[in-house]
Structures are given as structure tokens and as C-alpha cells.
Amino acid sequence: MRLLPGCRGVRVLKIDTTQRRFSMNRARQRHNLINSTMQNVTRRGFLGSSAGAIGIAALGGTANMTVAAAAEKQDATETRQEPIEREKGIRVGMLTAPFGDQFLVEVLDFARKAGIPCLEVVADPGSKHIDPATFDAAKAEGVKRMLAEHKLEISGLDCFMDACQPGGSERFQAHARKMVDAAVLLGVPTLCMQTGMPLPNMSRINQIKQVVPKVYAPIIAYAKEKGIKIAIENWFETCLQGIDTFECLLETIKDDNFGLNYDPSHLVHQQCNHLLPVAMFGKRIFHTHAKDTLVDIEVRAHVGIYGHGWWRYVVPGSGSIHWGEYINHLRMNGYRGVLSIEHEDSALSREQGFVLAQRHLSQFC
């Protein structure tokens, strides 16, 4: 409202407006300062080898302290709160691959201390975590007992075998069948797998249409009979690369227990929209990997997109993905599963990478 000259309210209005403008300017300055600081930490902190070296030196000595602090916080939370039964929502997990040289109980100890409630457990042939070839009901009871003691769950069993390796399909199918049996014994809902590496003299699309269905048909049928889902990771070096290959795979294999173990980081360095698959295939995303990609635009401008060294995988919070936005998209499209941290960040130690990723992701779950 505009007051006429001579009104008593003029002077009061001017003072009020001045104070409001001063407060707004102060708030804007604080906001800009916070944004500037956060950008410096998360976007520029590990660009360049010298910065990475400083980061490793500064963080390396505190890895044990970081895990200890997380464990202390976890224990304090459990002491304060009574357990509440509620429907599970999006929650943090971890792929156990970096602990491949240790037994499962040691991985469970770390996960509990780090505040990570779910595990995507490696179940390749000979795995120290779970080896389906030798797994039976007695071993399943032992694993379930350890999970109960640690208050943890297994979100998926993982296999990295090349499904399309010439002459190796039958071996893969036999192992996958044993994985299904192990999942049933453990009450695990999902098997996480890959389509296989590209075959010579065949396009990815043709391989998806002609080879992958034949390899996976008996596995999908057996898993469906047992109530188990198959989730395929979109690792860009396999048949699944661009979003067009996702479309081809899910249109070719329409079974409702066959879907994705979706990893958005593989689309970032391809300059694909990593949010788009969430909207397009939301109902067929059964599991997710939480991994980020850090892009050095100056190096890319120098070597070009076909050059090397302009991108690398990092833990969530250190790269290009806005995890609050991404998780919101997952939630709005019906996903209520696990964000499984896949730690491939060369700037951080094994334990530290998982702890820092858990801290970042937990604020959005």
C-alpha cells in the first residue's frame, strides 16, 4: 500500500522497510557464504593431484577416529531409543566387495560401527562372504544369527561373473541357480548381476536382443518360482551403456521380476541424464548403487571426451550428483529400497569412504 505524504504512518513505514532490507541483505550474505564454502569443499576439494594428496594425508590418520565416532553415535542412539516397528523406507547399505579379503562377520562388525544397516553381499564363486556353491541351511542359520546380533539385513546377493562370456553361459546359469537357493534360505529378495561384456562383431543392442535373453531365461524363470528378483547393474562397460540400452533390455525381457540395480554414476561421465531412468523405469528399479562421479572440466577441455583422466568415481557427496534431488526422485517414483554404497574412491581409505558416504546419504533418508 502506498501512503500519501503527510500521513503519520510514513515515518514508521520507512524505518520498517529499512530494517527489513538490512536483515534481508545480511541473510543473503550468510547464504552466499555458506554456498561458497560448500562448493569449495565438495566440488573443488579433490580436483588435481596435489589437492588429492593433501586430502589423503589429512584424512588418512583419522580413519579409525571416524569409524569410532560413528560407532559411538550408533551405540548412543540405540541406548536412547526403543526399537519401533515401522515400514521400511529408503535406507543406506554397502557393497561388501572392498572387504573381499575378510570374512562376513568382520564386515558386519564394521557396518554396525559405521551405522550402515544393509549389506549387498558378494556371492561370487569362492567368496569369503557367501559362496552359494557350498551354502546350505546350517550356514544360512549362522548368517541369520549374526545379522540379528548386529541388527543388520542383507539387501541383495551380488555376482560379477560375465554372463555372456563365450562358452561360459552354462557355468553362469548354474551359479545363478545356487544364488537363488541361497537367497531363499536367507530371506534375501534380490540378486544383483550384470548383462555381460560386449561380444566381438556385435552391437550392444543386438547382443541385448539376441544373446542376453537366452542366457537369462532359465535364471529368471527359476527366480520367479522362488519369489526372487533379478537386478541388473548398468555398468557402462557391459551391454548396458546409454539409456537406449536400458529401454531395449527391459522391452526385450518383460518379466516383472527382472529389472535394474541402478547406478546413476555410470551415466554422469556419458553426459546422460541420470534422473531420467528413475522416471522411465521406476517400477523396475529393484536395487540401487550409491556412487558418484567427479568431473574435471579443465582436464576434459584439454584432452577431450575420448581422453583419460578427466573423470573418476568418488563417494556420494564428492561428485556431480545432487543426492537429495536424486533420492527425492526415487521416492516419488515408488522406490523404498536400499542405497548401496559402492566405494571406488581412490582418494579415501576403505573404511573412511564408507563412513563419509553414509553420513552424506543419511541426511536424505
Protein backbone atom coordinates (compact mmCIF):
# COMPACT_ATOMS: atom_id res chain seq x y z
CA MET A 1 0.00 0.00 0.00
CA ARG A 2 1.31 3.49 -0.86
CA LEU A 3 0.82 6.17 1.82
CA LEU A 4 0.21 9.81 0.94
CA PRO A 5 2.71 12.48 2.10
CA GLY A 6 1.80 13.88 5.48
CA CYS A 7 0.36 10.63 6.87
CA ARG A 8 1.61 9.62 10.29
CA GLY A 9 2.49 6.14 9.08
CA VAL A 10 5.15 7.35 6.63
CA ARG A 11 7.97 7.56 9.10
CA VAL A 12 7.19 4.21 10.67
CA LEU A 13 6.93 2.59 7.24
CA LYS A 14 10.36 3.88 6.17
CA ILE A 15 12.03 2.58 9.33
CA ASP A 16 10.36 -0.81 8.94
CA THR A 17 11.38 -1.13 5.30
CA THR A 18 14.99 -0.15 6.03
CA GLN A 19 15.26 -2.71 8.81
CA ARG A 20 13.75 -5.39 6.61
CA ARG A 21 16.14 -4.60 3.75
CA PHE A 22 19.10 -4.69 6.15
CA SER A 23 18.01 -8.08 7.53
CA MET A 24 17.47 -9.49 4.05
CA ASN A 25 20.93 -8.35 2.94
CA ARG A 26 22.53 -9.95 6.00
CA ALA A 27 20.67 -13.21 5.38
CA ARG A 28 21.67 -13.17 1.70
CA GLN A 29 25.33 -12.64 2.62
CA ARG A 30 25.25 -15.57 5.05
CA HIS A 31 23.56 -17.76 2.43
CA ASN A 32 26.15 -16.89 -0.23
CA LEU A 33 28.99 -17.52 2.19
CA ILE A 34 27.66 -20.97 3.11
CA ASN A 35 27.12 -21.90 -0.55
CA SER A 36 30.59 -20.71 -1.49
CA THR A 37 32.16 -22.74 1.31
CA MET A 38 30.25 -25.91 0.45
CA GLN A 39 31.12 -25.64 -3.24
CA ASN A 40 34.79 -25.29 -2.38
CA VAL A 41 34.66 -28.41 -0.22
CA THR A 42 32.56 -30.73 -2.37
CA ARG A 43 33.33 -29.65 -5.92
CA ARG A 44 36.93 -28.49 -5.83
CA GLY A 45 38.41 -30.29 -2.83
CA PHE A 46 39.84 -33.22 -4.81
CA LEU A 47 40.45 -31.68 -8.22
CA GLY A 48 44.10 -32.08 -9.16
CA SER A 49 46.68 -34.46 -7.80
CA SER A 50 48.10 -32.04 -5.25
CA ALA A 51 44.71 -31.40 -3.68
CA GLY A 52 44.01 -35.14 -3.65
CA ALA A 53 47.34 -35.80 -1.93
CA ILE A 54 46.59 -33.19 0.73
CA GLY A 55 43.16 -34.76 1.26
CA ILE A 56 44.60 -38.24 1.68
CA ALA A 57 47.26 -37.03 4.12
CA ALA A 58 44.77 -35.04 6.15
CA LEU A 59 42.13 -37.77 6.27
CA GLY A 60 44.25 -40.90 6.37
CA GLY A 61 45.27 -40.53 10.01
CA THR A 62 41.71 -40.04 11.17
CA ALA A 63 40.11 -43.12 9.59
CA ASN A 64 39.96 -45.04 12.86
CA MET A 65 38.69 -41.98 14.71
CA THR A 66 35.98 -41.51 12.09
CA VAL A 67 34.74 -45.08 12.44
CA ALA A 68 34.97 -44.89 16.22
CA ALA A 69 32.90 -41.71 16.27
CA ALA A 70 30.28 -43.32 14.06
CA ALA A 71 30.16 -46.37 16.33
CA GLU A 72 29.83 -44.20 19.46
CA LYS A 73 26.95 -42.31 17.85
CA GLN A 74 25.28 -45.59 16.82
CA ASP A 75 25.56 -47.04 20.34
CA ALA A 76 24.22 -43.84 21.89
CA THR A 77 21.22 -43.86 19.55
CA GLU A 78 20.43 -47.46 20.41
CA THR A 79 20.67 -46.68 24.14
CA ARG A 80 18.31 -43.70 23.90
CA GLN A 81 15.63 -45.17 21.65
CA GLU A 82 13.34 -48.15 21.99
CA PRO A 83 13.02 -50.18 18.77
CA ILE A 84 9.99 -49.14 16.73
CA GLU A 85 8.41 -51.45 14.18
CA ARG A 86 7.64 -49.47 11.05
CA GLU A 87 7.54 -49.88 7.31
CA LYS A 88 10.99 -49.79 5.75
CA GLY A 89 11.81 -46.83 3.55
CA ILE A 90 14.90 -45.78 1.62
CA ARG A 91 17.95 -46.65 3.68
CA VAL A 92 21.73 -46.85 3.37
CA GLY A 93 23.62 -50.02 2.54
CA MET A 94 27.04 -51.06 1.29
CA LEU A 95 28.52 -53.39 -1.32
CA THR A 96 30.94 -55.67 0.52
CA ALA A 97 33.42 -56.05 -2.37
CA PRO A 98 36.21 -53.88 -0.87
CA PHE A 99 36.25 -56.26 2.14
CA GLY A 100 36.75 -59.29 -0.12
CA ASP A 101 39.77 -60.47 1.88
CA GLN A 102 37.81 -60.63 5.14
CA PHE A 103 35.11 -62.94 6.46
CA LEU A 104 31.49 -61.85 6.63
CA VAL A 105 31.43 -61.41 10.40
CA GLU A 106 34.23 -58.83 10.14
CA VAL A 107 32.25 -56.91 7.53
CA LEU A 108 29.19 -56.99 9.78
CA ASP A 109 31.26 -55.60 12.66
CA PHE A 110 32.38 -52.68 10.52
CA ALA A 111 28.91 -51.99 9.07
CA ARG A 112 27.34 -51.81 12.52
CA LYS A 113 30.03 -49.46 13.83
CA ALA A 114 29.69 -47.26 10.73
CA GLY A 115 25.91 -47.03 11.09
CA ILE A 116 25.21 -48.85 7.79
CA PRO A 117 22.17 -51.11 8.29
CA CYS A 118 22.13 -53.05 4.98
CA LEU A 119 24.63 -55.10 3.02
CA GLU A 120 24.84 -56.10 -0.63
CA VAL A 121 26.92 -59.22 -0.18
CA VAL A 122 29.33 -60.56 -2.77
CA ALA A 123 28.36 -64.13 -3.68
CA ASP A 124 30.79 -64.93 -6.48
CA PRO A 125 32.28 -68.45 -6.68
CA GLY A 126 34.69 -68.86 -3.75
CA SER A 127 33.56 -65.65 -2.00
CA LYS A 128 34.57 -65.38 1.67
CA HIS A 129 31.28 -63.63 2.37
CA ILE A 130 28.77 -66.07 0.90
CA ASP A 131 29.70 -68.85 -1.52
CA PRO A 132 26.49 -70.30 -2.99
CA ALA A 133 28.32 -73.45 -4.13
CA THR A 134 28.84 -74.58 -0.52
CA PHE A 135 25.92 -72.78 1.12
CA ASP A 136 23.28 -74.81 2.98
CA ALA A 137 20.56 -74.43 5.61
CA ALA A 138 23.01 -74.69 8.52
CA LYS A 139 25.20 -71.92 7.14
CA ALA A 140 22.12 -69.82 6.44
CA GLU A 141 21.05 -70.11 10.07
CA GLY A 142 24.51 -68.99 11.15
CA VAL A 143 24.39 -65.93 8.88
CA LYS A 144 20.89 -65.02 10.05
CA ARG A 145 22.00 -65.30 13.67
CA MET A 146 24.94 -62.95 13.02
CA LEU A 147 22.65 -60.48 11.23
CA ALA A 148 20.24 -60.49 14.17
CA GLU A 149 23.07 -59.92 16.65
CA HIS A 150 24.37 -56.98 14.63
CA LYS A 151 20.85 -55.66 13.83
CA LEU A 152 21.62 -55.69 10.09
CA GLU A 153 19.99 -57.04 6.92
CA ILE A 154 21.15 -58.27 3.53
CA SER A 155 19.55 -56.33 0.67
CA GLY A 156 20.99 -58.43 -2.15
CA LEU A 157 23.46 -61.10 -3.19
CA ASP A 158 25.93 -59.89 -5.82
CA CYS A 159 27.63 -61.73 -8.68
CA PHE A 160 30.18 -60.14 -11.06
CA MET A 161 30.52 -63.06 -13.49
CA ASP A 162 30.41 -62.33 -17.23
CA ALA A 163 27.03 -63.77 -18.21
CA CYS A 164 27.76 -63.64 -21.95
CA GLN A 165 31.29 -64.99 -21.94
CA PRO A 166 31.60 -67.39 -24.90
CA GLY A 167 31.41 -70.92 -23.55
CA GLY A 168 30.67 -69.73 -20.03
CA SER A 169 26.90 -69.30 -20.05
CA GLU A 170 26.10 -72.70 -18.55
CA ARG A 171 28.53 -72.16 -15.69
CA PHE A 172 26.96 -68.76 -15.02
CA GLN A 173 23.44 -70.21 -15.08
CA ALA A 174 24.39 -73.00 -12.67
CA HIS A 175 25.92 -70.50 -10.25
CA ALA A 176 22.93 -68.16 -10.54
CA ARG A 177 20.59 -71.03 -9.66
CA LYS A 178 22.62 -71.68 -6.49
CA MET A 179 22.42 -67.96 -5.71
CA VAL A 180 18.64 -68.17 -5.89
CA ASP A 181 18.68 -71.08 -3.45
CA ALA A 182 20.94 -69.15 -1.07
CA ALA A 183 18.67 -66.10 -1.28
CA VAL A 184 15.65 -68.21 -0.39
CA LEU A 185 17.43 -69.70 2.65
CA LEU A 186 18.41 -66.22 3.85
CA GLY A 187 15.17 -64.42 3.01
CA VAL A 188 17.05 -62.06 0.66
CA PRO A 189 14.75 -60.58 -2.02
CA THR A 190 17.18 -59.66 -4.80
CA LEU A 191 20.11 -60.97 -6.81
CA CYS A 192 22.36 -58.28 -8.32
CA MET A 193 24.03 -59.25 -11.62
CA GLN A 194 25.32 -57.91 -14.95
CA THR A 195 24.37 -58.50 -18.58
CA GLY A 196 27.90 -59.44 -19.60
CA MET A 197 30.70 -57.82 -21.58
CA PRO A 198 30.18 -56.79 -25.23
CA LEU A 199 30.76 -59.56 -27.73
CA PRO A 200 33.01 -59.05 -30.78
CA ASN A 201 31.35 -58.17 -34.08
CA MET A 202 28.01 -57.46 -32.43
CA SER A 203 26.40 -54.20 -31.31
CA ARG A 204 25.21 -53.81 -27.75
CA ILE A 205 21.60 -53.59 -28.92
CA ASN A 206 21.83 -56.81 -30.93
CA GLN A 207 23.53 -58.60 -28.04
CA ILE A 208 20.73 -57.50 -25.71
CA LYS A 209 18.10 -58.73 -28.14
CA GLN A 210 19.73 -61.96 -29.27
CA VAL A 211 22.07 -63.25 -26.56
CA VAL A 212 21.10 -61.88 -23.13
CA PRO A 213 17.51 -63.27 -23.16
CA LYS A 214 18.76 -66.80 -23.89
CA VAL A 215 21.28 -66.64 -21.05
CA TYR A 216 18.87 -65.20 -18.51
CA ALA A 217 15.61 -67.01 -19.42
CA PRO A 218 16.15 -70.08 -17.18
CA ILE A 219 17.52 -67.92 -14.35
CA ILE A 220 14.53 -65.56 -14.43
CA ALA A 221 12.07 -68.46 -14.52
CA TYR A 222 13.68 -70.25 -11.55
CA ALA A 223 13.96 -67.00 -9.57
CA LYS A 224 10.29 -66.15 -10.24
CA GLU A 225 9.24 -69.58 -9.00
CA LYS A 226 11.11 -68.89 -5.75
CA GLY A 227 9.93 -65.28 -5.36
CA ILE A 228 13.34 -63.72 -6.10
CA LYS A 229 14.06 -60.64 -8.22
CA ILE A 230 16.97 -60.21 -10.64
CA ALA A 231 18.51 -56.70 -10.69
CA ILE A 232 20.99 -55.86 -13.48
CA GLU A 233 23.66 -53.20 -12.92
CA ASN A 234 24.13 -50.68 -15.72
CA TRP A 235 27.95 -50.76 -15.70
CA PHE A 236 28.85 -48.85 -18.84
CA GLU A 237 31.49 -51.35 -19.96
CA THR A 238 28.86 -54.11 -20.27
CA CYS A 239 25.92 -54.21 -22.69
CA LEU A 240 24.11 -51.56 -20.67
CA GLN A 241 25.56 -48.18 -21.56
CA GLY A 242 23.20 -45.40 -22.65
CA ILE A 243 19.55 -45.11 -21.67
CA ASP A 244 18.60 -46.56 -25.06
CA THR A 245 20.16 -49.86 -23.98
CA PHE A 246 18.09 -49.79 -20.77
CA GLU A 247 14.96 -49.42 -22.88
CA CYS A 248 15.99 -52.25 -25.17
CA LEU A 249 16.75 -54.62 -22.27
CA LEU A 250 13.51 -54.02 -20.37
CA GLU A 251 11.39 -54.12 -23.52
CA THR A 252 13.06 -57.36 -24.63
CA ILE A 253 12.78 -59.07 -21.23
CA LYS A 254 9.40 -58.09 -19.79
CA ASP A 255 9.29 -60.39 -16.75
CA ASP A 256 8.17 -58.47 -13.68
CA ASN A 257 10.94 -59.98 -11.52
CA PHE A 258 13.66 -58.73 -13.89
CA GLY A 259 14.85 -55.13 -13.50
CA LEU A 260 17.72 -52.84 -12.60
CA ASN A 261 20.34 -52.43 -9.93
CA TYR A 262 20.56 -48.81 -10.98
CA ASP A 263 23.84 -46.88 -10.66
CA PRO A 264 23.49 -43.20 -11.65
CA SER A 265 27.26 -42.59 -11.64
CA HIS A 266 27.73 -44.54 -14.88
CA LEU A 267 25.56 -42.05 -16.76
CA VAL A 268 27.25 -38.88 -15.47
CA HIS A 269 30.50 -39.21 -17.44
CA GLN A 270 28.49 -40.26 -20.50
CA GLN A 271 26.68 -36.92 -20.19
CA CYS A 272 23.32 -38.72 -19.98
CA ASN A 273 20.51 -37.53 -17.70
CA HIS A 274 20.91 -39.75 -14.63
CA LEU A 275 17.46 -38.77 -13.31
CA LEU A 276 15.62 -39.89 -16.44
CA PRO A 277 15.80 -43.66 -15.83
CA VAL A 278 14.17 -43.18 -12.42
CA ALA A 279 11.07 -41.75 -14.07
CA MET A 280 11.17 -44.12 -17.04
CA PHE A 281 11.80 -47.41 -15.21
CA GLY A 282 10.85 -46.65 -11.60
CA LYS A 283 8.79 -49.80 -11.09
CA ARG A 284 11.64 -51.97 -12.36
CA ILE A 285 14.38 -50.48 -10.22
CA PHE A 286 14.81 -53.15 -7.54
CA HIS A 287 18.13 -52.04 -6.05
CA THR A 288 20.47 -49.04 -6.38
CA HIS A 289 24.18 -48.32 -6.12
CA ALA A 290 25.27 -45.14 -4.39
CA LYS A 291 28.40 -43.94 -6.18
CA ASP A 292 29.26 -40.50 -7.54
CA THR A 293 31.39 -39.20 -10.43
CA LEU A 294 33.77 -36.27 -10.18
CA VAL A 295 34.36 -34.47 -13.49
CA ASP A 296 37.38 -32.19 -14.01
CA ILE A 297 36.14 -29.90 -16.76
CA GLU A 298 39.55 -28.29 -17.29
CA VAL A 299 41.22 -31.63 -17.99
CA ARG A 300 38.31 -32.63 -20.24
CA ALA A 301 38.69 -29.41 -22.20
CA HIS A 302 42.36 -30.28 -22.70
CA VAL A 303 42.21 -34.00 -23.56
CA GLY A 304 38.67 -34.20 -24.98
CA ILE A 305 35.90 -36.62 -24.04
CA TYR A 306 37.82 -39.57 -25.54
CA GLY A 307 40.88 -38.80 -23.42
CA HIS A 308 41.68 -40.13 -19.97
CA GLY A 309 41.87 -38.64 -16.51
CA TRP A 310 39.01 -36.14 -16.67
CA TRP A 311 36.59 -38.14 -14.53
CA ARG A 312 36.76 -40.66 -11.73
CA TYR A 313 34.39 -42.40 -9.33
CA VAL A 314 34.03 -40.90 -5.85
CA VAL A 315 31.82 -41.44 -2.80
CA PRO A 316 28.44 -39.67 -2.64
CA GLY A 317 28.86 -36.02 -1.73
CA SER A 318 32.17 -35.57 -3.57
CA GLY A 319 30.96 -35.52 -7.16
CA SER A 320 28.35 -34.19 -9.57
CA ILE A 321 25.18 -35.88 -8.32
CA HIS A 322 22.82 -33.93 -6.05
CA TRP A 323 21.81 -36.79 -3.79
CA GLY A 324 18.88 -35.07 -2.13
CA GLU A 325 17.36 -34.43 -5.56
CA TYR A 326 18.11 -37.96 -6.79
CA ILE A 327 16.70 -39.66 -3.68
CA ASN A 328 13.60 -37.47 -3.87
CA HIS A 329 13.06 -38.67 -7.45
CA LEU A 330 13.45 -42.28 -6.32
CA ARG A 331 10.94 -41.77 -3.52
CA MET A 332 8.40 -40.02 -5.75
CA ASN A 333 8.61 -42.92 -8.22
CA GLY A 334 7.87 -45.51 -5.56
CA TYR A 335 11.34 -46.77 -4.63
CA ARG A 336 11.64 -47.84 -0.98
CA GLY A 337 14.81 -49.90 -1.13
CA VAL A 338 18.50 -49.56 -0.37
CA LEU A 339 21.15 -47.07 -1.48
CA SER A 340 24.10 -49.43 -1.59
CA ILE A 341 27.41 -47.57 -1.31
CA GLU A 342 29.86 -48.83 -3.94
CA HIS A 343 33.18 -47.44 -2.75
CA GLU A 344 35.65 -46.91 -5.60
CA ASP A 345 37.07 -43.56 -4.45
CA SER A 346 40.87 -43.71 -4.73
CA ALA A 347 41.32 -40.62 -2.55
CA LEU A 348 39.87 -42.29 0.55
CA SER A 349 40.68 -45.36 2.58
CA ARG A 350 38.28 -48.27 2.57
CA GLU A 351 36.69 -47.56 5.96
CA GLN A 352 36.71 -43.80 5.61
CA GLY A 353 34.98 -43.81 2.26
CA PHE A 354 32.07 -45.84 3.58
CA VAL A 355 31.70 -43.68 6.71
CA LEU A 356 31.73 -40.39 4.80
CA ALA A 357 29.28 -41.73 2.22
CA GLN A 358 26.96 -42.96 4.98
CA ARG A 359 26.98 -39.53 6.65
CA HIS A 360 26.10 -37.78 3.42
CA LEU A 361 23.35 -40.13 2.33
CA SER A 362 21.71 -40.49 5.74
CA GLN A 363 20.59 -36.88 5.82
CA PHE A 364 18.24 -37.59 2.89
CA CYS A 365 16.87 -40.96 4.11
